[in-house]
Amino acid sequence: MFLSRLVMTAKQFSTSAVTSFPKLKTHSGTKKRWRALSNGKFKRAHAAHAHLNVAKRPGRKNALCQTAYSSGAQTPTLKKLMPY
């Protein structure tokens, strides 16, 4: 009798928890480098734009300044790394 009561109370509290189990963790490196967009893609900034700029051509510095977007092959991987 006690066991059946325990199971009934556990069902009342854990129905939503069972459907979302196990919880997924967001990849820390991806979280720091990528931002999700509303259309399902991701954006990031280019690296190597902040230092040692004397040796870089102006066109290269302008290209490094632009925002980079995820490609079609990268997007599913990024969605797995950043599930929330």
PDB file of N, CA and C in Angstrom:
ATOM      1  N   MET A   1       0.820  -1.185   0.000  1.00  0.00           N
ATOM      2  CA  MET A   1       0.000   0.000   0.000  1.00  0.00           C
ATOM      3  C   MET A   1       0.869   1.255   0.000  1.00  0.00           C
ATOM      4  N   PHE A   2       1.874   1.261   0.832  1.00  0.00           N
ATOM      5  CA  PHE A   2       2.769   2.416   0.887  1.00  0.00           C
ATOM      6  C   PHE A   2       3.505   2.600  -0.442  1.00  0.00           C
ATOM      7  N   LEU A   3       3.908   1.483  -1.045  1.00  0.00           N
ATOM      8  CA  LEU A   3       4.620   1.541  -2.314  1.00  0.00           C
ATOM      9  C   LEU A   3       3.739   2.100  -3.427  1.00  0.00           C
ATOM     10  N   SER A   4       2.485   1.702  -3.484  1.00  0.00           N
ATOM     11  CA  SER A   4       1.587   2.214  -4.524  1.00  0.00           C
ATOM     12  C   SER A   4       1.333   3.709  -4.338  1.00  0.00           C
ATOM     13  N   ARG A   5       1.234   4.156  -3.098  1.00  0.00           N
ATOM     14  CA  ARG A   5       1.037   5.586  -2.836  1.00  0.00           C
ATOM     15  C   ARG A   5       2.282   6.372  -3.252  1.00  0.00           C
ATOM     16  N   LEU A   6       3.454   5.798  -2.993  1.00  0.00           N
ATOM     17  CA  LEU A   6       4.701   6.441  -3.380  1.00  0.00           C
ATOM     18  C   LEU A   6       4.813   6.550  -4.897  1.00  0.00           C
ATOM     19  N   VAL A   7       4.417   5.514  -5.612  1.00  0.00           N
ATOM     20  CA  VAL A   7       4.470   5.533  -7.067  1.00  0.00           C
ATOM     21  C   VAL A   7       3.497   6.557  -7.621  1.00  0.00           C
ATOM     22  N   MET A   8       2.308   6.660  -7.026  1.00  0.00           N
ATOM     23  CA  MET A   8       1.314   7.621  -7.503  1.00  0.00           C
ATOM     24  C   MET A   8       1.797   9.052  -7.307  1.00  0.00           C
ATOM     25  N   THR A   9       2.414   9.354  -6.168  1.00  0.00           N
ATOM     26  CA  THR A   9       2.900  10.706  -5.945  1.00  0.00           C
ATOM     27  C   THR A   9       4.098  11.008  -6.834  1.00  0.00           C
ATOM     28  N   ALA A  10       4.922   9.995  -7.098  1.00  0.00           N
ATOM     29  CA  ALA A  10       6.070  10.203  -7.978  1.00  0.00           C
ATOM     30  C   ALA A  10       5.606  10.499  -9.394  1.00  0.00           C
ATOM     31  N   LYS A  11       4.550   9.842  -9.840  1.00  0.00           N
ATOM     32  CA  LYS A  11       4.028  10.098 -11.181  1.00  0.00           C
ATOM     33  C   LYS A  11       3.495  11.517 -11.311  1.00  0.00           C
ATOM     34  N   GLN A  12       2.896  12.020 -10.268  1.00  0.00           N
ATOM     35  CA  GLN A  12       2.340  13.365 -10.334  1.00  0.00           C
ATOM     36  C   GLN A  12       3.437  14.415 -10.505  1.00  0.00           C
ATOM     37  N   PHE A  13       4.567  14.203  -9.905  1.00  0.00           N
ATOM     38  CA  PHE A  13       5.611  15.214  -9.945  1.00  0.00           C
ATOM     39  C   PHE A  13       6.600  15.022 -11.084  1.00  0.00           C
ATOM     40  N   SER A  14       6.733  13.822 -11.598  1.00  0.00           N
ATOM     41  CA  SER A  14       7.812  13.558 -12.534  1.00  0.00           C
ATOM     42  C   SER A  14       7.370  13.375 -13.982  1.00  0.00           C
ATOM     43  N   THR A  15       6.128  13.667 -14.318  1.00  0.00           N
ATOM     44  CA  THR A  15       5.704  13.444 -15.696  1.00  0.00           C
ATOM     45  C   THR A  15       6.430  14.369 -16.662  1.00  0.00           C
ATOM     46  N   SER A  16       6.615  15.621 -16.285  1.00  0.00           N
ATOM     47  CA  SER A  16       7.325  16.530 -17.179  1.00  0.00           C
ATOM     48  C   SER A  16       8.823  16.269 -17.166  1.00  0.00           C
ATOM     49  N   ALA A  17       9.341  15.779 -16.050  1.00  0.00           N
ATOM     50  CA  ALA A  17      10.769  15.520 -15.961  1.00  0.00           C
ATOM     51  C   ALA A  17      11.164  14.294 -16.780  1.00  0.00           C
ATOM     52  N   VAL A  18      10.287  13.333 -16.885  1.00  0.00           N
ATOM     53  CA  VAL A  18      10.616  12.117 -17.621  1.00  0.00           C
ATOM     54  C   VAL A  18      10.737  12.416 -19.105  1.00  0.00           C
ATOM     55  N   THR A  19       9.905  13.303 -19.636  1.00  0.00           N
ATOM     56  CA  THR A  19       9.949  13.597 -21.061  1.00  0.00           C
ATOM     57  C   THR A  19      11.200  14.373 -21.443  1.00  0.00           C
ATOM     58  N   SER A  20      11.766  15.167 -20.547  1.00  0.00           N
ATOM     59  CA  SER A  20      12.947  15.956 -20.877  1.00  0.00           C
ATOM     60  C   SER A  20      14.241  15.329 -20.363  1.00  0.00           C
ATOM     61  N   PHE A  21      14.187  14.083 -19.967  1.00  0.00           N
ATOM     62  CA  PHE A  21      15.382  13.419 -19.460  1.00  0.00           C
ATOM     63  C   PHE A  21      16.119  12.747 -20.591  1.00  0.00           C
ATOM     64  N   PRO A  22      17.423  12.731 -20.683  1.00  0.00           N
ATOM     65  CA  PRO A  22      18.363  13.439 -19.832  1.00  0.00           C
ATOM     66  C   PRO A  22      18.563  14.874 -20.306  1.00  0.00           C
ATOM     67  N   LYS A  23      18.961  15.712 -19.392  1.00  0.00           N
ATOM     68  CA  LYS A  23      19.219  17.105 -19.767  1.00  0.00           C
ATOM     69  C   LYS A  23      20.500  17.181 -20.590  1.00  0.00           C
ATOM     70  N   LEU A  24      20.507  18.058 -21.574  1.00  0.00           N
ATOM     71  CA  LEU A  24      21.670  18.230 -22.437  1.00  0.00           C
ATOM     72  C   LEU A  24      22.445  19.457 -21.989  1.00  0.00           C
ATOM     73  N   LYS A  25      23.759  19.355 -22.050  1.00  0.00           N
ATOM     74  CA  LYS A  25      24.596  20.490 -21.684  1.00  0.00           C
ATOM     75  C   LYS A  25      25.033  21.238 -22.938  1.00  0.00           C
ATOM     76  N   THR A  26      25.050  22.549 -22.847  1.00  0.00           N
ATOM     77  CA  THR A  26      25.530  23.384 -23.929  1.00  0.00           C
ATOM     78  C   THR A  26      27.055  23.359 -23.926  1.00  0.00           C
ATOM     79  N   HIS A  27      27.649  23.227 -25.100  1.00  0.00           N
ATOM     80  CA  HIS A  27      29.100  23.201 -25.231  1.00  0.00           C
ATOM     81  C   HIS A  27      29.649  24.595 -24.927  1.00  0.00           C
ATOM     82  N   SER A  28      30.583  24.678 -23.988  1.00  0.00           N
ATOM     83  CA  SER A  28      31.056  25.976 -23.503  1.00  0.00           C
ATOM     84  C   SER A  28      31.772  26.781 -24.575  1.00  0.00           C
ATOM     85  N   GLY A  29      32.612  26.120 -25.371  1.00  0.00           N
ATOM     86  CA  GLY A  29      33.329  26.835 -26.418  1.00  0.00           C
ATOM     87  C   GLY A  29      32.400  27.363 -27.491  1.00  0.00           C
ATOM     88  N   THR A  30      31.379  26.590 -27.827  1.00  0.00           N
ATOM     89  CA  THR A  30      30.406  27.028 -28.819  1.00  0.00           C
ATOM     90  C   THR A  30      29.589  28.186 -28.275  1.00  0.00           C
ATOM     91  N   LYS A  31      29.241  28.122 -27.015  1.00  0.00           N
ATOM     92  CA  LYS A  31      28.454  29.179 -26.389  1.00  0.00           C
ATOM     93  C   LYS A  31      29.189  30.517 -26.419  1.00  0.00           C
ATOM     94  N   LYS A  32      30.515  30.470 -26.275  1.00  0.00           N
ATOM     95  CA  LYS A  32      31.303  31.698 -26.256  1.00  0.00           C
ATOM     96  C   LYS A  32      31.505  32.286 -27.647  1.00  0.00           C
ATOM     97  N   ARG A  33      31.463  31.461 -28.681  1.00  0.00           N
ATOM     98  CA  ARG A  33      31.839  31.902 -30.023  1.00  0.00           C
ATOM     99  C   ARG A  33      30.669  32.128 -30.973  1.00  0.00           C
ATOM    100  N   TRP A  34      29.527  31.478 -30.758  1.00  0.00           N
ATOM    101  CA  TRP A  34      28.416  31.528 -31.700  1.00  0.00           C
ATOM    102  C   TRP A  34      27.183  32.126 -31.043  1.00  0.00           C
ATOM    103  N   ARG A  35      26.353  32.782 -31.859  1.00  0.00           N
ATOM    104  CA  ARG A  35      25.061  33.307 -31.413  1.00  0.00           C
ATOM    105  C   ARG A  35      23.995  32.763 -32.352  1.00  0.00           C
ATOM    106  N   ALA A  36      22.875  32.331 -31.805  1.00  0.00           N
ATOM    107  CA  ALA A  36      21.797  31.780 -32.613  1.00  0.00           C
ATOM    108  C   ALA A  36      20.964  32.909 -33.204  1.00  0.00           C
ATOM    109  N   LEU A  37      20.523  32.718 -34.442  1.00  0.00           N
ATOM    110  CA  LEU A  37      19.646  33.662 -35.118  1.00  0.00           C
ATOM    111  C   LEU A  37      18.227  33.099 -35.160  1.00  0.00           C
ATOM    112  N   SER A  38      17.273  33.967 -35.453  1.00  0.00           N
ATOM    113  CA  SER A  38      15.880  33.531 -35.464  1.00  0.00           C
ATOM    114  C   SER A  38      15.556  32.618 -36.644  1.00  0.00           C
ATOM    115  N   ASN A  39      16.350  32.661 -37.703  1.00  0.00           N
ATOM    116  CA  ASN A  39      16.081  31.815 -38.865  1.00  0.00           C
ATOM    117  C   ASN A  39      16.690  30.415 -38.728  1.00  0.00           C
ATOM    118  N   GLY A  40      17.314  30.111 -37.585  1.00  0.00           N
ATOM    119  CA  GLY A  40      17.863  28.786 -37.351  1.00  0.00           C
ATOM    120  C   GLY A  40      19.349  28.681 -37.616  1.00  0.00           C
ATOM    121  N   LYS A  41      19.950  29.724 -38.172  1.00  0.00           N
ATOM    122  CA  LYS A  41      21.387  29.699 -38.409  1.00  0.00           C
ATOM    123  C   LYS A  41      22.111  30.325 -37.224  1.00  0.00           C
ATOM    124  N   PHE A  42      23.446  30.344 -37.323  1.00  0.00           N
ATOM    125  CA  PHE A  42      24.281  30.890 -36.265  1.00  0.00           C
ATOM    126  C   PHE A  42      25.250  31.894 -36.865  1.00  0.00           C
ATOM    127  N   LYS A  43      25.697  32.840 -36.043  1.00  0.00           N
ATOM    128  CA  LYS A  43      26.680  33.811 -36.510  1.00  0.00           C
ATOM    129  C   LYS A  43      27.838  33.870 -35.528  1.00  0.00           C
ATOM    130  N   ARG A  44      28.988  34.303 -36.050  1.00  0.00           N
ATOM    131  CA  ARG A  44      30.184  34.433 -35.225  1.00  0.00           C
ATOM    132  C   ARG A  44      31.044  35.538 -35.798  1.00  0.00           C
ATOM    133  N   ALA A  45      32.038  35.958 -35.035  1.00  0.00           N
ATOM    134  CA  ALA A  45      33.010  36.935 -35.492  1.00  0.00           C
ATOM    135  C   ALA A  45      34.263  36.209 -35.964  1.00  0.00           C
ATOM    136  N   HIS A  46      34.988  36.836 -36.859  1.00  0.00           N
ATOM    137  CA  HIS A  46      36.247  36.265 -37.332  1.00  0.00           C
ATOM    138  C   HIS A  46      37.335  36.476 -36.287  1.00  0.00           C
ATOM    139  N   ALA A  47      38.269  35.555 -36.241  1.00  0.00           N
ATOM    140  CA  ALA A  47      39.417  35.675 -35.349  1.00  0.00           C
ATOM    141  C   ALA A  47      40.527  36.458 -36.046  1.00  0.00           C
ATOM    142  N   ALA A  48      41.551  36.819 -35.301  1.00  0.00           N
ATOM    143  CA  ALA A  48      42.768  37.474 -35.800  1.00  0.00           C
ATOM    144  C   ALA A  48      42.508  38.860 -36.361  1.00  0.00           C
ATOM    145  N   HIS A  49      41.525  39.557 -35.803  1.00  0.00           N
ATOM    146  CA  HIS A  49      41.241  40.909 -36.281  1.00  0.00           C
ATOM    147  C   HIS A  49      41.752  41.971 -35.316  1.00  0.00           C
ATOM    148  N   ALA A  50      42.093  41.606 -34.103  1.00  0.00           N
ATOM    149  CA  ALA A  50      42.383  42.593 -33.072  1.00  0.00           C
ATOM    150  C   ALA A  50      43.860  42.889 -32.879  1.00  0.00           C
ATOM    151  N   HIS A  51      44.758  42.084 -33.432  1.00  0.00           N
ATOM    152  CA  HIS A  51      46.185  42.322 -33.165  1.00  0.00           C
ATOM    153  C   HIS A  51      47.004  41.986 -34.401  1.00  0.00           C
ATOM    154  N   LEU A  52      48.245  42.462 -34.402  1.00  0.00           N
ATOM    155  CA  LEU A  52      49.192  42.260 -35.504  1.00  0.00           C
ATOM    156  C   LEU A  52      48.612  42.712 -36.842  1.00  0.00           C
ATOM    157  N   ASN A  53      48.020  43.893 -36.839  1.00  0.00           N
ATOM    158  CA  ASN A  53      47.332  44.375 -38.030  1.00  0.00           C
ATOM    159  C   ASN A  53      48.250  45.100 -39.013  1.00  0.00           C
ATOM    160  N   VAL A  54      49.495  45.383 -38.639  1.00  0.00           N
ATOM    161  CA  VAL A  54      50.388  46.132 -39.518  1.00  0.00           C
ATOM    162  C   VAL A  54      50.726  45.311 -40.759  1.00  0.00           C
ATOM    163  N   ALA A  55      50.884  44.023 -40.592  1.00  0.00           N
ATOM    164  CA  ALA A  55      51.297  43.172 -41.701  1.00  0.00           C
ATOM    165  C   ALA A  55      50.121  42.716 -42.567  1.00  0.00           C
ATOM    166  N   LYS A  56      48.896  43.039 -42.171  1.00  0.00           N
ATOM    167  CA  LYS A  56      47.728  42.580 -42.921  1.00  0.00           C
ATOM    168  C   LYS A  56      47.285  43.634 -43.924  1.00  0.00           C
ATOM    169  N   ARG A  57      46.861  43.167 -45.099  1.00  0.00           N
ATOM    170  CA  ARG A  57      46.356  44.071 -46.123  1.00  0.00           C
ATOM    171  C   ARG A  57      45.023  44.663 -45.672  1.00  0.00           C
ATOM    172  N   PRO A  58      44.682  45.860 -46.124  1.00  0.00           N
ATOM    173  CA  PRO A  58      43.398  46.461 -45.735  1.00  0.00           C
ATOM    174  C   PRO A  58      42.195  45.611 -46.149  1.00  0.00           C
ATOM    175  N   GLY A  59      42.273  44.985 -47.297  1.00  0.00           N
ATOM    176  CA  GLY A  59      41.161  44.131 -47.720  1.00  0.00           C
ATOM    177  C   GLY A  59      40.977  42.932 -46.810  1.00  0.00           C
ATOM    178  N   ARG A  60      42.090  42.392 -46.332  1.00  0.00           N
ATOM    179  CA  ARG A  60      42.006  41.256 -45.399  1.00  0.00           C
ATOM    180  C   ARG A  60      41.429  41.701 -44.066  1.00  0.00           C
ATOM    181  N   LYS A  61      41.818  42.879 -43.586  1.00  0.00           N
ATOM    182  CA  LYS A  61      41.274  43.383 -42.329  1.00  0.00           C
ATOM    183  C   LYS A  61      39.782  43.669 -42.446  1.00  0.00           C
ATOM    184  N   ASN A  62      39.355  44.188 -43.596  1.00  0.00           N
ATOM    185  CA  ASN A  62      37.926  44.419 -43.806  1.00  0.00           C
ATOM    186  C   ASN A  62      37.153  43.108 -43.843  1.00  0.00           C
ATOM    187  N   ALA A  63      37.739  42.080 -44.449  1.00  0.00           N
ATOM    188  CA  ALA A  63      37.069  40.780 -44.510  1.00  0.00           C
ATOM    189  C   ALA A  63      36.968  40.150 -43.122  1.00  0.00           C
ATOM    190  N   LEU A  64      37.995  40.335 -42.303  1.00  0.00           N
ATOM    191  CA  LEU A  64      37.969  39.791 -40.949  1.00  0.00           C
ATOM    192  C   LEU A  64      36.972  40.536 -40.061  1.00  0.00           C
ATOM    193  N   CYS A  65      36.626  41.744 -40.430  1.00  0.00           N
ATOM    194  CA  CYS A  65      35.678  42.537 -39.654  1.00  0.00           C
ATOM    195  C   CYS A  65      34.243  42.067 -39.869  1.00  0.00           C
ATOM    196  N   GLN A  66      33.960  41.426 -40.996  1.00  0.00           N
ATOM    197  CA  GLN A  66      32.595  41.030 -41.335  1.00  0.00           C
ATOM    198  C   GLN A  66      32.125  39.856 -40.476  1.00  0.00           C
ATOM    199  N   THR A  67      30.817  39.752 -40.331  1.00  0.00           N
ATOM    200  CA  THR A  67      30.221  38.649 -39.579  1.00  0.00           C
ATOM    201  C   THR A  67      30.225  37.389 -40.425  1.00  0.00           C
ATOM    202  N   ALA A  68      30.549  36.259 -39.814  1.00  0.00           N
ATOM    203  CA  ALA A  68      30.527  34.970 -40.499  1.00  0.00           C
ATOM    204  C   ALA A  68      29.284  34.204 -40.055  1.00  0.00           C
ATOM    205  N   TYR A  69      28.636  33.531 -40.995  1.00  0.00           N
ATOM    206  CA  TYR A  69      27.430  32.764 -40.712  1.00  0.00           C
ATOM    207  C   TYR A  69      27.711  31.282 -40.900  1.00  0.00           C
ATOM    208  N   SER A  70      26.939  30.451 -40.226  1.00  0.00           N
ATOM    209  CA  SER A  70      27.137  29.008 -40.323  1.00  0.00           C
ATOM    210  C   SER A  70      26.690  28.504 -41.690  1.00  0.00           C
ATOM    211  N   SER A  71      27.423  27.538 -42.192  1.00  0.00           N
ATOM    212  CA  SER A  71      27.080  26.940 -43.476  1.00  0.00           C
ATOM    213  C   SER A  71      26.013  25.868 -43.266  1.00  0.00           C
ATOM    214  N   GLY A  72      25.535  25.315 -44.351  1.00  0.00           N
ATOM    215  CA  GLY A  72      24.521  24.275 -44.250  1.00  0.00           C
ATOM    216  C   GLY A  72      24.999  23.037 -43.537  1.00  0.00           C
ATOM    217  N   ALA A  73      26.299  22.712 -43.663  1.00  0.00           N
ATOM    218  CA  ALA A  73      26.850  21.535 -42.994  1.00  0.00           C
ATOM    219  C   ALA A  73      27.118  21.804 -41.516  1.00  0.00           C
ATOM    220  N   GLN A  74      27.406  23.038 -41.145  1.00  0.00           N
ATOM    221  CA  GLN A  74      27.723  23.361 -39.751  1.00  0.00           C
ATOM    222  C   GLN A  74      26.482  23.479 -38.880  1.00  0.00           C
ATOM    223  N   THR A  75      25.364  23.904 -39.457  1.00  0.00           N
ATOM    224  CA  THR A  75      24.185  24.237 -38.670  1.00  0.00           C
ATOM    225  C   THR A  75      23.658  23.064 -37.849  1.00  0.00           C
ATOM    226  N   PRO A  76      23.499  21.845 -38.398  1.00  0.00           N
ATOM    227  CA  PRO A  76      23.022  20.742 -37.542  1.00  0.00           C
ATOM    228  C   PRO A  76      23.965  20.415 -36.387  1.00  0.00           C
ATOM    229  N   THR A  77      25.261  20.515 -36.615  1.00  0.00           N
ATOM    230  CA  THR A  77      26.227  20.267 -35.540  1.00  0.00           C
ATOM    231  C   THR A  77      26.112  21.320 -34.453  1.00  0.00           C
ATOM    232  N   LEU A  78      25.944  22.577 -34.854  1.00  0.00           N
ATOM    233  CA  LEU A  78      25.810  23.649 -33.871  1.00  0.00           C
ATOM    234  C   LEU A  78      24.515  23.520 -33.085  1.00  0.00           C
ATOM    235  N   LYS A  79      23.470  23.018 -33.708  1.00  0.00           N
ATOM    236  CA  LYS A  79      22.211  22.820 -32.988  1.00  0.00           C
ATOM    237  C   LYS A  79      22.348  21.727 -31.935  1.00  0.00           C
ATOM    238  N   LYS A  80      23.185  20.731 -32.203  1.00  0.00           N
ATOM    239  CA  LYS A  80      23.440  19.702 -31.199  1.00  0.00           C
ATOM    240  C   LYS A  80      24.295  20.243 -30.057  1.00  0.00           C
ATOM    241  N   LEU A  81      25.250  21.108 -30.391  1.00  0.00           N
ATOM    242  CA  LEU A  81      26.124  21.666 -29.364  1.00  0.00           C
ATOM    243  C   LEU A  81      25.438  22.729 -28.523  1.00  0.00           C
ATOM    244  N   MET A  82      24.452  23.419 -29.101  1.00  0.00           N
ATOM    245  CA  MET A  82      23.694  24.437 -28.378  1.00  0.00           C
ATOM    246  C   MET A  82      22.208  24.101 -28.433  1.00  0.00           C
ATOM    247  N   PRO A  83      21.755  23.155 -27.621  1.00  0.00           N
ATOM    248  CA  PRO A  83      20.360  22.710 -27.742  1.00  0.00           C
ATOM    249  C   PRO A  83      19.345  23.696 -27.199  1.00  0.00           C
ATOM    250  N   TYR A  84      19.737  24.643 -26.356  1.00  0.00           N
ATOM    251  CA  TYR A  84      18.763  25.536 -25.741  1.00  0.00           C
ATOM    252  C   TYR A  84      18.975  26.951 -26.205  1.00  0.00           C
TER     253      TYR A  84
END
